[in-house]
Amino acid sequence: MKFDDLLTGFIRLHILHHAAEMEIYGQWMIDELSRHGYRLSPGTLYPMLHAMERKGYLTSRVQREGSVGRKLYKATRLGKQGLKLAKARVREFIGEAVER
């Protein structure tokens, strides 16, 4: 992805946004992000989800349907606090960027 070093923060915020609203799973998040112009492979998204979980922003559980399991993620309290702070910083940045 071109400019991936700049855009990965937005991707993480997008993940937190949805995970704060409901439980999400990887393929759903890949599809959701693609609707917004991000093209992520499972090899990119899943390590990102795992890292966010290790850092305490997400928690997960496995939902079993027969012999198939799906890992569901949701935002933790820390993740929601980080999202709130990030939204404030994004609003501040937008205010500066639009004024110029």
C-alpha atoms as a PDB file:
ATOM      1  CA  MET A   1       0.000   0.000   0.000  1.00  0.00           C
ATOM      2  CA  LYS A   2       1.431   3.341  -1.013  1.00  0.00           C
ATOM      3  CA  PHE A   3       2.083   5.608   2.001  1.00  0.00           C
ATOM      4  CA  ASP A   4       1.399   2.705   4.366  1.00  0.00           C
ATOM      5  CA  ASP A   5       3.753   4.177   6.944  1.00  0.00           C
ATOM      6  CA  LEU A   6       1.471   7.240   7.128  1.00  0.00           C
ATOM      7  CA  LEU A   7      -1.876   5.467   6.919  1.00  0.00           C
ATOM      8  CA  THR A   8      -1.442   2.594   9.378  1.00  0.00           C
ATOM      9  CA  GLY A   9      -2.419   4.870  12.258  1.00  0.00           C
ATOM     10  CA  PHE A  10      -5.725   5.635  10.538  1.00  0.00           C
ATOM     11  CA  ILE A  11      -6.295   1.927   9.988  1.00  0.00           C
ATOM     12  CA  ARG A  12      -5.740   1.212  13.687  1.00  0.00           C
ATOM     13  CA  LEU A  13      -8.153   4.002  14.627  1.00  0.00           C
ATOM     14  CA  HIS A  14     -10.715   2.630  12.210  1.00  0.00           C
ATOM     15  CA  ILE A  15     -10.341  -0.806  13.812  1.00  0.00           C
ATOM     16  CA  LEU A  16     -10.765   0.673  17.299  1.00  0.00           C
ATOM     17  CA  HIS A  17     -13.783   2.690  16.171  1.00  0.00           C
ATOM     18  CA  HIS A  18     -15.639  -0.413  15.033  1.00  0.00           C
ATOM     19  CA  ALA A  19     -14.381  -2.615  17.871  1.00  0.00           C
ATOM     20  CA  ALA A  20     -15.733  -0.043  20.346  1.00  0.00           C
ATOM     21  CA  GLU A  21     -19.174  -0.334  18.734  1.00  0.00           C
ATOM     22  CA  MET A  22     -19.380  -4.121  18.335  1.00  0.00           C
ATOM     23  CA  GLU A  23     -17.347  -7.284  18.121  1.00  0.00           C
ATOM     24  CA  ILE A  24     -15.470  -7.508  14.838  1.00  0.00           C
ATOM     25  CA  TYR A  25     -13.592 -10.245  13.020  1.00  0.00           C
ATOM     26  CA  GLY A  26     -10.754 -10.078  10.555  1.00  0.00           C
ATOM     27  CA  GLN A  27     -12.465 -10.648   7.216  1.00  0.00           C
ATOM     28  CA  TRP A  28     -15.266  -8.243   8.123  1.00  0.00           C
ATOM     29  CA  MET A  29     -12.643  -5.611   8.963  1.00  0.00           C
ATOM     30  CA  ILE A  30     -10.771  -6.249   5.693  1.00  0.00           C
ATOM     31  CA  ASP A  31     -14.040  -5.759   3.787  1.00  0.00           C
ATOM     32  CA  GLU A  32     -14.943  -2.637   5.792  1.00  0.00           C
ATOM     33  CA  LEU A  33     -11.527  -1.075   5.260  1.00  0.00           C
ATOM     34  CA  SER A  34     -11.670  -1.820   1.531  1.00  0.00           C
ATOM     35  CA  ARG A  35     -14.908   0.211   1.352  1.00  0.00           C
ATOM     36  CA  HIS A  36     -12.796   3.159   2.520  1.00  0.00           C
ATOM     37  CA  GLY A  37      -9.994   2.631   0.024  1.00  0.00           C
ATOM     38  CA  TYR A  38      -7.620   0.537   2.148  1.00  0.00           C
ATOM     39  CA  ARG A  39      -6.464  -2.726   0.586  1.00  0.00           C
ATOM     40  CA  LEU A  40      -5.198  -5.015   3.331  1.00  0.00           C
ATOM     41  CA  SER A  41      -4.372  -8.674   3.125  1.00  0.00           C
ATOM     42  CA  PRO A  42      -4.915 -11.044   6.035  1.00  0.00           C
ATOM     43  CA  GLY A  43      -1.125 -11.120   6.370  1.00  0.00           C
ATOM     44  CA  THR A  44      -1.199  -7.403   7.162  1.00  0.00           C
ATOM     45  CA  LEU A  45      -4.395  -7.139   9.203  1.00  0.00           C
ATOM     46  CA  TYR A  46      -4.053 -10.107  11.553  1.00  0.00           C
ATOM     47  CA  PRO A  47      -0.604  -9.150  12.891  1.00  0.00           C
ATOM     48  CA  MET A  48      -2.012  -5.646  13.448  1.00  0.00           C
ATOM     49  CA  LEU A  49      -4.974  -7.060  15.415  1.00  0.00           C
ATOM     50  CA  HIS A  50      -2.660  -9.315  17.442  1.00  0.00           C
ATOM     51  CA  ALA A  51      -0.325  -6.404  18.242  1.00  0.00           C
ATOM     52  CA  MET A  52      -3.278  -4.230  19.313  1.00  0.00           C
ATOM     53  CA  GLU A  53      -4.403  -7.058  21.575  1.00  0.00           C
ATOM     54  CA  ARG A  54      -0.913  -7.473  23.076  1.00  0.00           C
ATOM     55  CA  LYS A  55      -0.839  -3.733  23.805  1.00  0.00           C
ATOM     56  CA  GLY A  56      -4.189  -3.981  25.581  1.00  0.00           C
ATOM     57  CA  TYR A  57      -6.325  -2.040  23.079  1.00  0.00           C
ATOM     58  CA  LEU A  58      -8.355  -5.086  22.021  1.00  0.00           C
ATOM     59  CA  THR A  59      -9.518  -8.276  23.641  1.00  0.00           C
ATOM     60  CA  SER A  60     -10.656 -11.381  21.797  1.00  0.00           C
ATOM     61  CA  ARG A  61     -12.671 -14.526  22.147  1.00  0.00           C
ATOM     62  CA  VAL A  62     -13.216 -17.494  19.881  1.00  0.00           C
ATOM     63  CA  GLN A  63     -16.751 -18.132  18.685  1.00  0.00           C
ATOM     64  CA  ARG A  64     -17.285 -21.758  17.702  1.00  0.00           C
ATOM     65  CA  GLU A  65     -19.800 -22.814  15.084  1.00  0.00           C
ATOM     66  CA  GLY A  66     -19.512 -26.555  14.747  1.00  0.00           C
ATOM     67  CA  SER A  67     -15.914 -27.375  13.950  1.00  0.00           C
ATOM     68  CA  VAL A  68     -15.168 -23.830  12.734  1.00  0.00           C
ATOM     69  CA  GLY A  69     -13.960 -21.076  15.046  1.00  0.00           C
ATOM     70  CA  ARG A  70     -13.860 -17.349  14.471  1.00  0.00           C
ATOM     71  CA  LYS A  71     -11.868 -14.916  16.577  1.00  0.00           C
ATOM     72  CA  LEU A  72     -13.915 -11.889  17.596  1.00  0.00           C
ATOM     73  CA  TYR A  73     -12.288  -8.678  18.799  1.00  0.00           C
ATOM     74  CA  LYS A  74     -13.656  -5.812  20.857  1.00  0.00           C
ATOM     75  CA  ALA A  75     -12.106  -2.658  22.271  1.00  0.00           C
ATOM     76  CA  THR A  76     -10.968  -2.674  25.882  1.00  0.00           C
ATOM     77  CA  ARG A  77     -11.325   0.255  28.248  1.00  0.00           C
ATOM     78  CA  LEU A  78      -7.757   1.251  27.340  1.00  0.00           C
ATOM     79  CA  GLY A  79      -8.619   1.006  23.634  1.00  0.00           C
ATOM     80  CA  LYS A  80     -11.678   3.220  24.105  1.00  0.00           C
ATOM     81  CA  GLN A  81      -9.624   5.766  26.047  1.00  0.00           C
ATOM     82  CA  GLY A  82      -7.013   5.793  23.282  1.00  0.00           C
ATOM     83  CA  LEU A  83      -9.703   6.195  20.657  1.00  0.00           C
ATOM     84  CA  LYS A  84     -11.215   9.146  22.527  1.00  0.00           C
ATOM     85  CA  LEU A  85      -7.825  10.858  22.733  1.00  0.00           C
ATOM     86  CA  ALA A  86      -7.062  10.120  19.084  1.00  0.00           C
ATOM     87  CA  LYS A  87     -10.408  11.566  17.971  1.00  0.00           C
ATOM     88  CA  ALA A  88      -9.633  14.789  19.837  1.00  0.00           C
ATOM     89  CA  ARG A  89      -6.213  14.988  18.182  1.00  0.00           C
ATOM     90  CA  VAL A  90      -7.694  14.273  14.738  1.00  0.00           C
ATOM     91  CA  ARG A  91     -10.266  17.063  15.249  1.00  0.00           C
ATOM     92  CA  GLU A  92      -7.452  19.429  16.236  1.00  0.00           C
ATOM     93  CA  PHE A  93      -5.430  18.448  13.175  1.00  0.00           C
ATOM     94  CA  ILE A  94      -8.425  18.808  10.848  1.00  0.00           C
ATOM     95  CA  GLY A  95      -9.038  22.291  12.240  1.00  0.00           C
ATOM     96  CA  GLU A  96      -5.476  23.299  11.442  1.00  0.00           C
ATOM     97  CA  ALA A  97      -5.362  21.589   8.056  1.00  0.00           C
ATOM     98  CA  VAL A  98      -8.664  23.057   6.863  1.00  0.00           C
ATOM     99  CA  GLU A  99      -7.807  26.586   7.990  1.00  0.00           C
ATOM    100  CA  ARG A 100      -4.780  26.739   5.720  1.00  0.00           C
END
